[in-house]
């Protein structure tokens, strides 16, 4: 009796734990925000000063910003 009760409880726990859908966050990650700013800058939608300001980084030149944004060109969309 005790063994069947434990087996039933374990099966119930397993089924309950596996049947729940993972919670999908609607929030955009910080990496995704940075990527979007870099892509806007690459596409000439925003100027260098605004991109640096939006990214809140300590670079001063366009070439430094390009080096920073190089990473984000290859980051895949998560949505």
N, C-alpha and C. Protein backbone atom coordinates (compact mmCIF):
# COMPACT_ATOMS: atom_id res chain seq x y z
N UNK A 1 0.82 -1.19 0.00
CA UNK A 1 0.00 0.00 0.00
C UNK A 1 0.86 1.26 0.00
N UNK A 2 1.85 1.25 0.90
CA UNK A 2 2.74 2.41 1.02
C UNK A 2 3.54 2.60 -0.27
N UNK A 3 3.98 1.47 -0.83
CA UNK A 3 4.77 1.53 -2.07
C UNK A 3 3.93 2.05 -3.23
N UNK A 4 2.71 1.63 -3.36
CA UNK A 4 1.84 2.09 -4.46
C UNK A 4 1.48 3.56 -4.28
N UNK A 5 1.33 3.99 -3.04
CA UNK A 5 1.03 5.39 -2.76
C UNK A 5 2.22 6.28 -3.16
N UNK A 6 3.42 5.83 -2.85
CA UNK A 6 4.62 6.58 -3.24
C UNK A 6 4.79 6.60 -4.76
N UNK A 7 4.49 5.49 -5.41
CA UNK A 7 4.59 5.43 -6.87
C UNK A 7 3.57 6.36 -7.51
N UNK A 8 2.36 6.38 -6.97
CA UNK A 8 1.32 7.26 -7.47
C UNK A 8 1.69 8.73 -7.27
N UNK A 9 2.23 9.05 -6.12
CA UNK A 9 2.66 10.41 -5.83
C UNK A 9 3.81 10.83 -6.76
N UNK A 10 4.75 9.93 -7.00
CA UNK A 10 5.86 10.24 -7.90
C UNK A 10 5.37 10.44 -9.33
N UNK A 11 4.44 9.61 -9.77
CA UNK A 11 3.89 9.75 -11.12
C UNK A 11 3.12 11.05 -11.25
N UNK A 12 2.34 11.40 -10.26
CA UNK A 12 1.58 12.65 -10.28
C UNK A 12 2.52 13.86 -10.33
N UNK A 13 3.59 13.81 -9.53
CA UNK A 13 4.57 14.90 -9.53
C UNK A 13 5.25 15.02 -10.89
N UNK A 14 5.61 13.91 -11.47
CA UNK A 14 6.27 13.92 -12.77
C UNK A 14 5.36 14.47 -13.86
N UNK A 15 4.12 14.02 -13.86
CA UNK A 15 3.16 14.49 -14.88
C UNK A 15 2.87 15.97 -14.70
N UNK A 16 2.68 16.41 -13.47
CA UNK A 16 2.39 17.82 -13.21
C UNK A 16 3.58 18.69 -13.60
N UNK A 17 4.77 18.26 -13.26
CA UNK A 17 5.96 19.05 -13.57
C UNK A 17 6.24 19.14 -15.05
N UNK A 18 5.97 18.10 -15.80
CA UNK A 18 6.26 18.08 -17.23
C UNK A 18 5.17 18.72 -18.07
N UNK A 19 3.96 18.82 -17.52
CA UNK A 19 2.86 19.33 -18.34
C UNK A 19 2.76 20.84 -18.33
N UNK A 20 3.43 21.50 -17.42
CA UNK A 20 3.35 22.95 -17.34
C UNK A 20 4.18 23.57 -18.46
N UNK A 21 3.61 24.54 -19.12
CA UNK A 21 4.34 25.26 -20.16
C UNK A 21 5.35 26.18 -19.51
N UNK A 22 6.54 26.28 -20.07
CA UNK A 22 7.50 27.22 -19.51
C UNK A 22 7.00 28.65 -19.71
N UNK A 23 7.28 29.47 -18.75
CA UNK A 23 6.84 30.86 -18.83
C UNK A 23 7.72 31.62 -19.80
N UNK A 24 7.11 32.19 -20.81
CA UNK A 24 7.85 32.94 -21.82
C UNK A 24 7.74 34.42 -21.47
N UNK A 25 8.87 35.04 -21.31
CA UNK A 25 8.89 36.44 -20.95
C UNK A 25 8.71 37.31 -22.19
N UNK A 26 7.89 38.33 -22.05
CA UNK A 26 7.68 39.27 -23.14
C UNK A 26 8.73 40.38 -23.13
N UNK A 27 9.49 40.44 -22.08
CA UNK A 27 10.50 41.48 -21.96
C UNK A 27 11.64 41.24 -22.94
N UNK A 28 12.14 42.30 -23.49
CA UNK A 28 13.26 42.23 -24.42
C UNK A 28 14.55 42.26 -23.59
N UNK A 29 15.45 41.35 -23.89
CA UNK A 29 16.69 41.29 -23.12
C UNK A 29 17.58 42.50 -23.44
N UNK A 30 18.50 42.76 -22.55
CA UNK A 30 19.43 43.88 -22.74
C UNK A 30 20.29 43.66 -23.98
N UNK A 31 20.68 42.43 -24.22
CA UNK A 31 21.47 42.11 -25.41
C UNK A 31 20.68 42.41 -26.67
N UNK A 32 19.39 42.08 -26.67
CA UNK A 32 18.56 42.35 -27.84
C UNK A 32 18.42 43.85 -28.07
N UNK A 33 18.29 44.62 -26.99
CA UNK A 33 18.21 46.08 -27.12
C UNK A 33 19.49 46.64 -27.73
N UNK A 34 20.63 46.16 -27.24
CA UNK A 34 21.92 46.62 -27.77
C UNK A 34 22.05 46.25 -29.23
N UNK A 35 21.61 45.06 -29.58
CA UNK A 35 21.68 44.61 -30.98
C UNK A 35 20.84 45.52 -31.87
N UNK A 36 19.64 45.86 -31.42
CA UNK A 36 18.77 46.71 -32.22
C UNK A 36 19.36 48.10 -32.43
N UNK A 37 19.99 48.65 -31.39
CA UNK A 37 20.64 49.96 -31.52
C UNK A 37 21.78 49.86 -32.53
N UNK A 38 22.58 48.80 -32.43
CA UNK A 38 23.70 48.64 -33.36
C UNK A 38 23.19 48.48 -34.80
N UNK A 39 22.13 47.71 -34.98
CA UNK A 39 21.60 47.53 -36.33
C UNK A 39 21.01 48.82 -36.87
N UNK A 40 20.38 49.60 -36.01
CA UNK A 40 19.87 50.91 -36.44
C UNK A 40 21.03 51.81 -36.85
N UNK A 41 22.12 51.75 -36.11
CA UNK A 41 23.29 52.57 -36.45
C UNK A 41 23.91 52.10 -37.76
N UNK A 42 24.04 50.78 -37.92
CA UNK A 42 24.58 50.25 -39.17
C UNK A 42 23.71 50.65 -40.36
N UNK A 43 22.40 50.70 -40.15
CA UNK A 43 21.46 51.04 -41.22
C UNK A 43 21.27 52.54 -41.40
N UNK A 44 22.10 53.34 -40.74
CA UNK A 44 22.05 54.80 -40.82
C UNK A 44 20.71 55.37 -40.36
N UNK A 45 20.03 54.67 -39.45
CA UNK A 45 18.78 55.18 -38.90
C UNK A 45 19.03 56.15 -37.75
N UNK A 46 20.15 55.95 -37.05
CA UNK A 46 20.54 56.87 -35.97
C UNK A 46 22.01 57.21 -36.15
N UNK A 47 22.40 58.37 -35.64
CA UNK A 47 23.79 58.80 -35.80
C UNK A 47 24.67 58.20 -34.69
N UNK A 48 25.96 58.38 -34.84
CA UNK A 48 26.93 57.77 -33.93
C UNK A 48 26.75 58.24 -32.50
N UNK A 49 26.55 59.53 -32.30
CA UNK A 49 26.38 60.06 -30.95
C UNK A 49 25.18 59.48 -30.24
N UNK A 50 24.07 59.36 -30.96
CA UNK A 50 22.85 58.80 -30.36
C UNK A 50 23.04 57.32 -30.05
N UNK A 51 23.71 56.60 -30.92
CA UNK A 51 23.96 55.18 -30.68
C UNK A 51 24.81 54.99 -29.42
N UNK A 52 25.85 55.78 -29.28
CA UNK A 52 26.72 55.70 -28.10
C UNK A 52 25.91 56.03 -26.85
N UNK A 53 25.07 57.05 -26.94
CA UNK A 53 24.23 57.45 -25.81
C UNK A 53 23.24 56.34 -25.45
N UNK A 54 22.58 55.77 -26.45
CA UNK A 54 21.60 54.71 -26.19
C UNK A 54 22.24 53.46 -25.62
N UNK A 55 23.44 53.15 -26.05
CA UNK A 55 24.14 51.97 -25.55
C UNK A 55 24.78 52.21 -24.18
N UNK A 56 24.95 53.48 -23.83
CA UNK A 56 25.57 53.86 -22.55
C UNK A 56 26.93 53.20 -22.38
N UNK A 57 27.78 53.41 -23.40
CA UNK A 57 29.13 52.85 -23.36
C UNK A 57 30.16 53.96 -23.39
N UNK A 58 31.38 53.63 -23.06
CA UNK A 58 32.44 54.63 -22.98
C UNK A 58 33.35 54.55 -24.20
N UNK A 59 32.79 54.82 -25.35
CA UNK A 59 33.58 54.93 -26.57
C UNK A 59 33.39 56.33 -27.10
N UNK A 60 34.35 56.79 -27.88
CA UNK A 60 34.28 58.16 -28.35
C UNK A 60 34.26 58.27 -29.87
N UNK A 61 34.78 57.28 -30.55
CA UNK A 61 34.89 57.39 -32.00
C UNK A 61 33.99 56.37 -32.69
N UNK A 62 33.78 56.63 -33.96
CA UNK A 62 32.96 55.73 -34.77
C UNK A 62 33.61 54.36 -34.91
N UNK A 63 34.93 54.34 -35.00
CA UNK A 63 35.62 53.05 -35.15
C UNK A 63 35.51 52.22 -33.87
N UNK A 64 35.52 52.86 -32.71
CA UNK A 64 35.34 52.13 -31.45
C UNK A 64 33.91 51.57 -31.36
N UNK A 65 32.95 52.37 -31.81
CA UNK A 65 31.56 51.90 -31.82
C UNK A 65 31.41 50.72 -32.78
N UNK A 66 32.09 50.78 -33.91
CA UNK A 66 32.03 49.69 -34.88
C UNK A 66 32.59 48.41 -34.27
N UNK A 67 33.68 48.52 -33.55
CA UNK A 67 34.28 47.35 -32.90
C UNK A 67 33.32 46.78 -31.85
N UNK A 68 32.64 47.66 -31.12
CA UNK A 68 31.68 47.22 -30.11
C UNK A 68 30.50 46.51 -30.77
N UNK A 69 29.99 47.08 -31.83
CA UNK A 69 28.79 46.55 -32.48
C UNK A 69 29.07 45.33 -33.35
N UNK A 70 30.32 45.05 -33.63
CA UNK A 70 30.67 43.90 -34.46
C UNK A 70 30.09 42.60 -33.88
N UNK A 71 30.10 42.50 -32.56
CA UNK A 71 29.56 41.31 -31.89
C UNK A 71 28.08 41.13 -32.20
N UNK A 72 27.32 42.22 -32.22
CA UNK A 72 25.88 42.14 -32.34
C UNK A 72 25.40 41.84 -33.75
N UNK A 73 26.27 41.93 -34.73
CA UNK A 73 25.86 41.61 -36.10
C UNK A 73 25.52 40.13 -36.24
N UNK A 74 26.12 39.29 -35.40
CA UNK A 74 25.94 37.85 -35.53
C UNK A 74 25.06 37.24 -34.45
N UNK A 75 24.54 38.06 -33.55
CA UNK A 75 23.67 37.54 -32.51
C UNK A 75 22.30 37.29 -33.10
N UNK A 76 21.80 36.10 -32.92
CA UNK A 76 20.52 35.72 -33.51
C UNK A 76 19.35 36.33 -32.74
N UNK A 77 18.26 36.56 -33.46
CA UNK A 77 17.03 37.01 -32.81
C UNK A 77 16.50 35.89 -31.94
N UNK A 78 15.96 36.25 -30.80
CA UNK A 78 15.41 35.25 -29.90
C UNK A 78 13.90 35.15 -30.01
N UNK A 79 13.29 36.01 -30.76
CA UNK A 79 11.84 35.97 -30.91
C UNK A 79 11.46 35.49 -32.27
